[in-house]
Protein backbone atom coordinates (compact mmCIF):
# COMPACT_ATOMS: atom_id res chain seq x y z
CA MET A 1 -0.03 0.06 -0.03
CA PRO A 2 2.27 2.81 -1.24
CA GLY A 3 1.83 6.03 0.56
CA ASP A 4 0.67 4.53 3.77
CA GLN A 5 3.77 5.22 5.97
CA TRP A 6 2.28 3.62 8.97
CA VAL A 7 2.37 0.12 7.69
CA ILE A 8 5.90 -0.56 8.83
CA GLY A 9 6.29 -1.60 12.45
CA ARG A 10 9.32 -0.40 14.40
CA LYS A 11 10.12 -3.73 15.90
CA LYS A 12 9.76 -7.11 14.34
CA LEU A 13 7.88 -9.34 16.72
CA ILE A 14 7.11 -12.40 14.67
CA ARG A 15 7.98 -13.83 11.24
CA LEU A 16 5.13 -15.06 8.99
CA ALA A 17 4.94 -16.79 5.70
CA LEU A 18 1.49 -15.95 4.30
CA VAL A 19 0.26 -18.19 1.49
CA GLY A 20 -2.42 -16.19 -0.29
CA ASP A 21 -3.42 -14.11 -3.24
CA ALA A 22 -1.00 -11.12 -3.34
CA SER A 23 -3.21 -9.33 -5.83
CA ASN A 24 -6.26 -9.40 -3.55
CA ILE A 25 -6.99 -6.04 -1.80
CA ASN A 26 -8.20 -7.79 1.30
CA VAL A 27 -4.91 -9.74 1.65
CA ARG A 28 -2.98 -6.54 1.08
CA LEU A 29 -4.89 -4.59 3.71
CA TRP A 30 -4.44 -7.27 6.38
CA VAL A 31 -0.70 -7.48 5.55
CA ALA A 32 -0.59 -3.75 6.00
CA GLY A 33 -2.23 -4.00 9.46
CA LEU A 34 0.14 -6.90 10.45
CA LEU A 35 3.17 -4.92 9.33
CA SER A 36 2.19 -1.85 11.37
CA ALA A 37 1.94 -4.16 14.44
CA GLY A 38 5.41 -5.49 14.07
CA ALA A 39 5.02 -8.64 11.87
CA ASP A 40 7.78 -9.57 9.41
CA ILE A 41 5.90 -11.05 6.40
CA GLU A 42 6.82 -12.86 3.19
CA ILE A 43 4.02 -13.94 0.81
CA VAL A 44 3.90 -17.06 -1.22
CA SER A 45 1.42 -16.59 -4.05
CA PHE A 46 0.50 -17.34 -7.71
CA ALA A 47 -0.03 -13.61 -8.17
CA GLU A 48 2.22 -10.53 -8.03
CA TRP A 49 2.14 -7.40 -5.99
CA PRO A 50 4.15 -4.95 -8.03
CA ASP A 51 3.85 -2.07 -5.54
CA ALA A 52 4.25 -4.01 -2.32
CA PRO A 53 5.55 -2.07 0.71
CA VAL A 54 9.40 -2.33 1.09
CA PRO A 55 9.31 -4.83 3.89
CA VAL A 56 7.05 -7.34 1.96
CA HIS A 57 8.70 -9.82 -0.37
CA VAL A 58 6.36 -11.82 -2.69
CA MET A 59 7.59 -15.25 -3.75
CA LYS A 60 5.59 -15.97 -6.92
CA ILE A 61 4.91 -19.56 -7.61
CA PRO A 62 4.32 -20.40 -11.34
CA ALA A 63 1.30 -22.65 -11.82
CA GLY A 64 -1.47 -23.25 -14.26
CA ALA A 65 -5.02 -22.02 -14.07
CA GLY A 66 -7.79 -23.89 -12.23
CA LYS A 67 -8.26 -25.34 -8.84
CA LEU A 68 -5.91 -28.22 -9.30
CA ARG A 69 -3.04 -25.83 -9.08
CA TYR A 70 -3.45 -25.62 -5.29
CA LEU A 71 -2.71 -29.33 -5.08
CA LEU A 72 -0.07 -29.52 -7.69
CA CYS A 73 1.97 -26.67 -6.22
CA GLY A 74 2.74 -28.45 -3.03
CA PRO A 75 6.44 -29.12 -3.57
CA GLN A 76 7.05 -25.53 -4.81
CA VAL A 77 5.20 -24.03 -1.87
CA ARG A 78 7.05 -26.23 0.54
CA ARG A 79 10.43 -25.14 -0.90
CA ALA A 80 9.43 -21.55 -0.78
CA VAL A 81 8.27 -21.71 2.83
CA ASP A 82 11.40 -23.53 3.84
CA ARG A 83 13.46 -20.77 2.33
CA ILE A 84 11.47 -18.23 4.35
CA ASP A 85 11.72 -20.33 7.52
CA PRO A 86 8.87 -18.61 9.25
CA GLN A 87 7.77 -18.97 12.89
CA ILE A 88 4.14 -19.39 11.60
CA VAL A 89 2.59 -20.31 8.22
CA VAL A 90 -0.76 -18.61 7.38
CA GLY A 91 -3.14 -19.76 4.72
CA TYR A 92 -5.54 -17.16 3.56
CA TYR A 93 -8.79 -18.65 2.24
CA ALA A 94 -9.62 -22.27 3.32
CA THR A 95 -10.51 -23.85 0.07
CA GLY A 96 -7.78 -22.47 -2.17
CA TYR A 97 -4.53 -21.18 -0.77
CA GLY A 98 -5.35 -23.00 2.45
CA THR A 99 -4.57 -26.24 0.57
CA ALA A 100 -1.23 -24.86 -0.46
CA ALA A 101 -0.47 -23.66 3.09
CA ARG A 102 -1.28 -27.18 4.42
CA LEU A 103 0.97 -28.82 1.85
CA ALA A 104 3.87 -26.66 3.15
CA ARG A 105 3.84 -29.16 6.04
CA ARG A 106 4.91 -26.57 8.56
CA HIS A 107 3.64 -25.73 12.02
CA PRO A 108 2.25 -23.75 13.67
CA LEU A 109 -0.29 -23.44 10.82
CA VAL A 110 -2.97 -20.73 10.82
CA GLN A 111 -5.89 -21.00 8.40
CA VAL A 112 -7.95 -17.82 7.76
CA VAL A 113 -11.59 -18.24 6.69
CA VAL A 114 -13.25 -15.23 5.12
CA GLY A 115 -16.68 -16.11 3.63
CA ASN A 116 -17.52 -18.33 0.78
CA ASP A 117 -14.80 -20.82 1.68
CA VAL A 118 -16.85 -22.02 4.70
CA LEU A 119 -20.33 -20.56 4.23
CA VAL A 120 -21.68 -21.85 1.00
CA ASN A 121 -20.31 -25.34 0.35
CA PRO A 122 -22.69 -28.02 1.80
CA PRO A 123 -21.44 -31.30 3.35
CA GLY A 124 -20.87 -33.91 0.75
CA THR A 125 -19.37 -31.64 -1.84
CA PRO A 126 -15.73 -31.86 -2.77
CA THR A 127 -15.10 -28.29 -1.80
CA HIS A 128 -16.53 -28.89 1.70
CA ALA A 129 -14.17 -31.92 2.04
CA VAL A 130 -11.23 -29.77 0.95
CA ALA A 131 -12.09 -27.08 3.52
CA ARG A 132 -12.62 -29.64 6.33
CA ARG A 133 -9.18 -31.27 5.65
CA ASN A 134 -7.36 -27.87 5.59
CA LEU A 135 -9.04 -26.66 8.80
CA ALA A 136 -8.33 -29.97 10.53
CA ALA A 137 -4.62 -29.39 9.76
CA ALA A 138 -4.62 -26.01 11.41
CA ASP A 139 -3.31 -25.18 14.89
CA LEU A 140 -5.45 -22.04 14.76
CA VAL A 141 -8.41 -20.90 12.56
CA VAL A 142 -8.95 -17.13 12.32
CA GLY A 143 -12.37 -15.67 11.32
CA TRP A 144 -13.38 -12.04 11.11
CA SER A 145 -16.88 -12.47 12.59
CA LYS A 146 -19.22 -14.59 14.73
CA GLU A 147 -20.78 -16.07 11.56
CA LEU A 148 -17.37 -17.35 10.44
CA ASP A 149 -16.61 -18.69 13.88
CA VAL A 150 -19.89 -20.61 13.84
CA ALA A 151 -19.08 -21.92 10.41
CA ALA A 152 -15.63 -23.08 11.54
CA ALA A 153 -17.28 -24.95 14.40
CA ARG A 154 -19.58 -26.69 11.93
CA PHE A 155 -16.46 -27.97 10.24
CA GLY A 156 -15.35 -29.57 13.50
CA VAL A 157 -12.90 -27.00 14.68
CA ALA A 158 -12.67 -27.01 18.43
CA GLU A 159 -13.20 -23.74 20.32
CA SER A 160 -9.63 -23.83 21.56
CA ARG A 161 -8.37 -23.62 17.94
CA ARG A 162 -10.70 -20.80 16.88
CA PHE A 163 -9.96 -17.09 17.10
CA VAL A 164 -12.35 -14.36 16.19
CA SER A 165 -11.27 -10.75 15.50
CA ILE A 166 -12.13 -8.17 12.92
CA ARG A 167 -9.50 -7.49 10.27
CA GLY A 168 -10.65 -3.97 9.73
CA ILE A 169 -10.20 -1.33 7.13
CA PRO A 170 -7.86 1.74 6.77
CA THR A 171 -10.47 4.12 8.29
CA GLU A 172 -8.37 7.24 7.46
CA ARG A 173 -9.13 6.58 3.78
CA PHE A 174 -12.83 6.88 4.41
CA PRO A 175 -13.77 10.05 6.15
CA ALA A 176 -17.46 10.95 6.16
CA PRO A 177 -18.77 14.20 4.75
CA ARG A 178 -19.89 16.89 7.17
CA SER A 179 -23.35 16.75 5.71
CA ILE A 180 -25.56 14.66 3.46
CA PRO A 181 -24.45 15.23 -0.16
CA PRO A 182 -26.90 17.35 -2.09
CA GLY A 183 -28.81 16.29 -5.13
CA PRO A 184 -31.09 13.32 -5.99
CA PRO A 185 -30.45 10.05 -4.15
CA ARG A 186 -27.46 8.13 -5.41
CA LEU A 187 -26.92 4.40 -4.59
CA ILE A 188 -23.68 2.45 -4.98
CA THR A 189 -22.66 -1.17 -4.73
CA THR A 190 -18.98 -2.08 -4.55
CA ARG A 191 -19.01 -5.92 -4.55
CA ALA A 192 -17.44 -8.12 -7.20
CA LEU A 193 -19.58 -9.00 -10.16
CA HIS A 194 -19.87 -12.71 -9.61
CA PRO A 195 -23.01 -14.85 -9.39
CA TYR A 196 -22.80 -15.30 -5.60
CA TYR A 197 -22.93 -11.55 -4.91
CA GLN A 198 -26.40 -11.29 -6.62
CA THR A 199 -25.90 -7.83 -8.08
CA ASP A 200 -28.73 -8.69 -10.51
CA ARG A 201 -31.12 -8.31 -7.54
CA VAL A 202 -29.71 -4.86 -6.91
CA VAL A 203 -30.31 -3.92 -10.56
CA GLY A 204 -33.72 -5.52 -10.45
CA ALA A 205 -34.63 -3.48 -7.36
CA MET A 206 -33.95 -0.27 -9.35
CA ALA A 207 -36.80 -1.09 -11.66
CA HIS A 208 -39.18 -1.31 -8.67
CA MET A 209 -38.14 1.82 -6.79
CA THR A 210 -40.54 4.79 -6.61
CA GLN A 211 -37.63 7.26 -6.18
CA SER A 212 -35.71 8.53 -9.20
CA ALA A 213 -32.45 7.34 -7.82
CA THR A 214 -29.33 6.36 -9.70
CA LEU A 215 -27.05 3.35 -9.05
CA THR A 216 -23.32 3.19 -9.46
CA ILE A 217 -21.93 -0.42 -9.88
CA ALA A 218 -18.31 -0.25 -8.92
CA GLY A 219 -16.80 -3.66 -9.50
CA GLU A 220 -15.66 -6.14 -12.10
CA GLY A 221 -16.34 -9.86 -12.63
CA SER A 222 -17.81 -12.58 -14.86
CA GLU A 223 -21.30 -11.18 -14.57
CA ARG A 224 -20.74 -7.72 -15.94
CA SER A 225 -21.91 -8.44 -19.55
CA ARG A 226 -25.07 -10.16 -18.23
CA LEU A 227 -25.82 -7.31 -15.82
CA GLU A 228 -25.29 -4.77 -18.64
CA GLU A 229 -27.84 -6.77 -20.64
CA GLN A 230 -30.24 -6.70 -17.67
CA VAL A 231 -29.95 -2.95 -17.42
CA THR A 232 -30.76 -2.48 -21.11
CA ARG A 233 -33.70 -4.94 -20.86
CA LEU A 234 -35.17 -3.05 -17.99
CA GLY A 235 -34.65 0.34 -19.60
CA LEU A 236 -32.35 1.56 -16.87
CA GLU A 237 -29.48 2.83 -19.03
CA ASP A 238 -29.89 6.48 -17.73
CA ARG A 239 -30.03 5.40 -14.06
CA VAL A 240 -27.36 2.64 -13.74
CA ALA A 241 -23.65 3.27 -14.45
CA PHE A 242 -20.87 0.70 -14.55
CA VAL A 243 -17.62 2.30 -13.45
CA GLY A 244 -15.44 -0.83 -13.02
CA ALA A 245 -13.31 -1.56 -9.99
CA ILE A 246 -12.23 1.64 -8.34
CA PRO A 247 -8.61 1.82 -6.92
CA HIS A 248 -8.85 1.50 -3.24
CA GLU A 249 -7.03 4.70 -2.51
CA GLU A 250 -9.74 6.54 -4.62
CA LEU A 251 -12.77 4.60 -3.26
CA GLY A 252 -13.42 6.85 -0.28
CA ALA A 253 -13.90 9.95 -2.36
CA ARG A 254 -16.29 8.05 -4.68
CA LEU A 255 -18.30 6.71 -1.76
CA ARG A 256 -18.81 10.19 -0.26
CA GLU A 257 -20.55 11.24 -3.56
CA HIS A 258 -23.39 8.76 -2.78
CA HIS A 259 -26.13 8.42 -0.17
CA VAL A 260 -26.97 4.73 0.07
CA TYR A 261 -24.82 1.54 -0.02
CA VAL A 262 -26.62 -1.59 -1.14
CA SER A 263 -25.62 -5.31 -1.16
CA ALA A 264 -27.67 -8.43 -1.84
CA VAL A 265 -25.00 -10.94 -0.83
CA PRO A 266 -26.87 -13.65 1.16
CA SER A 267 -24.06 -14.46 3.60
CA ASP A 268 -20.76 -12.91 4.46
CA GLY A 269 -17.86 -12.69 6.89
CA VAL A 270 -17.21 -9.12 7.80
CA SER A 271 -17.70 -7.30 4.51
CA GLY A 272 -15.00 -4.77 4.04
CA SER A 273 -17.20 -3.06 1.42
CA LEU A 274 -19.92 -2.55 4.02
CA LEU A 275 -17.48 -1.15 6.52
CA GLU A 276 -16.00 1.25 3.91
CA ALA A 277 -19.50 2.55 3.07
CA MET A 278 -20.52 2.86 6.67
CA CYS A 279 -17.27 4.67 7.57
CA SER A 280 -18.02 7.10 4.67
CA GLY A 281 -21.42 8.02 6.19
CA LEU A 282 -23.74 6.09 3.70
CA VAL A 283 -26.90 4.35 4.75
CA PRO A 284 -26.32 0.63 4.34
CA VAL A 285 -29.02 -1.68 2.88
CA ALA A 286 -28.02 -5.27 3.17
CA ILE A 287 -29.25 -8.83 3.73
CA ASP A 288 -30.34 -9.87 7.20
CA ASN A 289 -27.76 -12.32 8.37
CA LEU A 290 -25.60 -12.82 11.42
CA ALA A 291 -22.52 -10.97 10.07
CA ASN A 292 -24.56 -7.90 8.98
CA ARG A 293 -26.51 -7.74 12.24
CA GLU A 294 -23.17 -7.14 14.07
CA TRP A 295 -23.06 -3.78 12.33
CA ILE A 296 -26.60 -2.77 11.32
CA GLU A 297 -29.49 -2.24 13.65
CA ASN A 298 -32.47 -2.39 11.31
CA GLY A 299 -34.21 0.95 11.07
CA VAL A 300 -31.64 2.69 13.32
CA ASN A 301 -28.36 3.04 11.35
CA GLY A 302 -29.33 1.06 8.32
CA LEU A 303 -31.71 -1.37 6.82
CA LEU A 304 -31.73 -5.20 6.64
CA VAL A 305 -33.79 -7.22 4.15
CA SER A 306 -34.64 -10.89 4.72
CA ALA A 307 -32.74 -13.32 2.53
CA GLY A 308 -34.93 -14.77 -0.19
CA SER A 309 -37.52 -11.98 0.08
CA PRO A 310 -39.12 -10.62 -3.13
CA ILE A 311 -37.15 -8.15 -5.09
CA GLU A 312 -39.84 -5.49 -4.18
CA ALA A 313 -38.71 -5.75 -0.53
CA LEU A 314 -35.17 -4.76 -1.49
CA ALA A 315 -36.62 -1.96 -3.61
CA ALA A 316 -38.72 -0.71 -0.69
CA ALA A 317 -35.67 -0.72 1.62
CA CYS A 318 -33.72 1.32 -0.91
CA ASP A 319 -36.60 3.81 -1.26
CA ARG A 320 -36.75 4.21 2.49
CA ALA A 321 -32.97 4.71 2.69
CA CYS A 322 -33.37 7.49 0.12
CA THR A 323 -36.23 9.32 1.85
CA ASP A 324 -36.04 8.69 5.60
CA ALA A 325 -34.25 11.83 6.83
CA ALA A 326 -33.81 10.57 10.32
CA LEU A 327 -32.19 7.36 9.14
CA ARG A 328 -29.82 9.20 6.80
CA ALA A 329 -28.80 11.64 9.53
CA ALA A 330 -28.25 8.79 12.08
CA ALA A 331 -26.14 6.91 9.59
CA LEU A 332 -24.02 9.97 8.88
CA GLU A 333 -23.60 10.71 12.58
CA THR A 334 -22.95 7.27 14.05
CA ASN A 335 -21.71 4.76 11.47
CA ARG A 336 -18.20 6.12 11.09
CA GLY A 337 -17.65 6.19 14.76
CA MET A 338 -18.78 2.58 15.08
CA VAL A 339 -16.35 1.39 12.36
CA VAL A 340 -13.54 3.42 13.68
CA GLY A 341 -14.06 2.14 17.19
CA ARG A 342 -14.29 -1.52 16.26
CA ALA A 343 -12.69 -2.05 12.87
CA ASP A 344 -9.71 0.21 12.44
CA LEU A 345 -7.03 -1.82 10.54
CA ARG A 346 -4.10 -0.27 12.39
CA ALA A 347 -5.67 -0.64 15.78
CA ASN A 348 -6.55 -4.24 15.18
CA GLY A 349 -3.30 -5.48 13.81
CA PRO A 350 -1.69 -5.90 17.21
CA VAL A 351 -4.51 -8.17 18.31
CA PHE A 352 -3.50 -10.75 15.60
CA VAL A 353 0.20 -10.35 16.30
CA ARG A 354 -0.33 -11.01 20.00
CA ARG A 355 -2.39 -14.12 19.29
CA PHE A 356 0.20 -15.40 16.85
CA GLN A 357 3.01 -14.84 19.46
CA GLU A 358 0.84 -16.81 21.97
CA LEU A 359 0.41 -19.59 19.40
CA ARG A 360 4.11 -19.77 18.70
CA GLU A 361 5.07 -19.73 22.33
CA GLY A 362 2.54 -22.41 23.23
CA TYR A 363 3.69 -24.60 20.37
CA GLY A 364 7.36 -24.10 21.49
CA ALA A 365 6.48 -25.12 25.02
CA ARG A 366 4.84 -28.28 23.96
CA ARG A 367 7.83 -29.16 21.86
CA ALA A 368 10.13 -28.38 24.73
CA ASP A 369 8.12 -30.78 26.91
CA GLY A 370 8.97 -33.53 24.41
CA SER A 371 5.34 -34.01 23.38
CA ARG A 372 4.71 -35.20 19.78
CA HIS A 373 2.84 -32.79 17.60
CA ARG A 374 0.46 -34.53 15.30
CA LEU A 375 0.22 -33.09 11.76
CA ARG A 376 -3.64 -32.78 11.72
CA GLY A 377 -4.76 -33.72 8.20
CA GLY A 378 -1.28 -32.97 6.86
């Protein structure tokens, strides 16, 4: 994260090898938070991070496309991790890079669950089996929310091996405006354009709204062309704009131009997109699930819509978010403070570093006692 001088900790407290997607903004943000708290991090990844902060080195692993690469890359990842010689190996995303992290055959092993990896794959599916094996191999499973913690428990991870803490966002990038932006109501969604995120429901809701609102779709993905066809079919070309993925350092300014954030994702961990919008003073409209209820009190600082409800219900919630002056004022006044107080990336980084230090020390003590450490699922 170039330009963020705070990311470099003064004293290196623990050395980590993070096996994850170096091109993913959520991975990068967490790395920045850990760096600021004193972690020394090297990343093993199929992707590159051209503008990585100076302390971060990315070891790029060449591999083909497709899910099989996570299995086939085992020897390469193992050699890379051995060269790093970390105190802890961290796998980020249980069903992809989590496999590569497990195949490194190093302990202590931390697996990070973030959402779809544990929330949407039913028992009996191959993906569920992969996640179960990777989590069974972990000495610690990290989740950002209660919903992810519950999901990890359903995979058989004992409470003693689970740790819940919010990753957070760089709140300084998302200052709220001093007053509600003038002009007609403007909605925005910033989720990736993939089927699971159900942006088609957001577009469909626009056709049922009574307010003459506009919608900005800020994201990219496999669904973009289909969504553009839907906009044309519904005659919404003058009300819906596709602007692509906005660079993270520019996102705060774009959010502040809008009034309402809307997401139709049925389940989530802690959505960074939601926190960014709330921190920027927008009224959030989201699906009623355990993760979102941690942040939104329906009718007080945002609106929750039941999962699976008719599209008209989402439209009605968006209409109310545009017209309820008290709700809009409350969101502007309280939401940023809530996010800053609970989900500041820099403030939360030390929480993870301390827990990783405890894990390392506990593992070392067991080894010193002569106890054999079983490679769970390894």
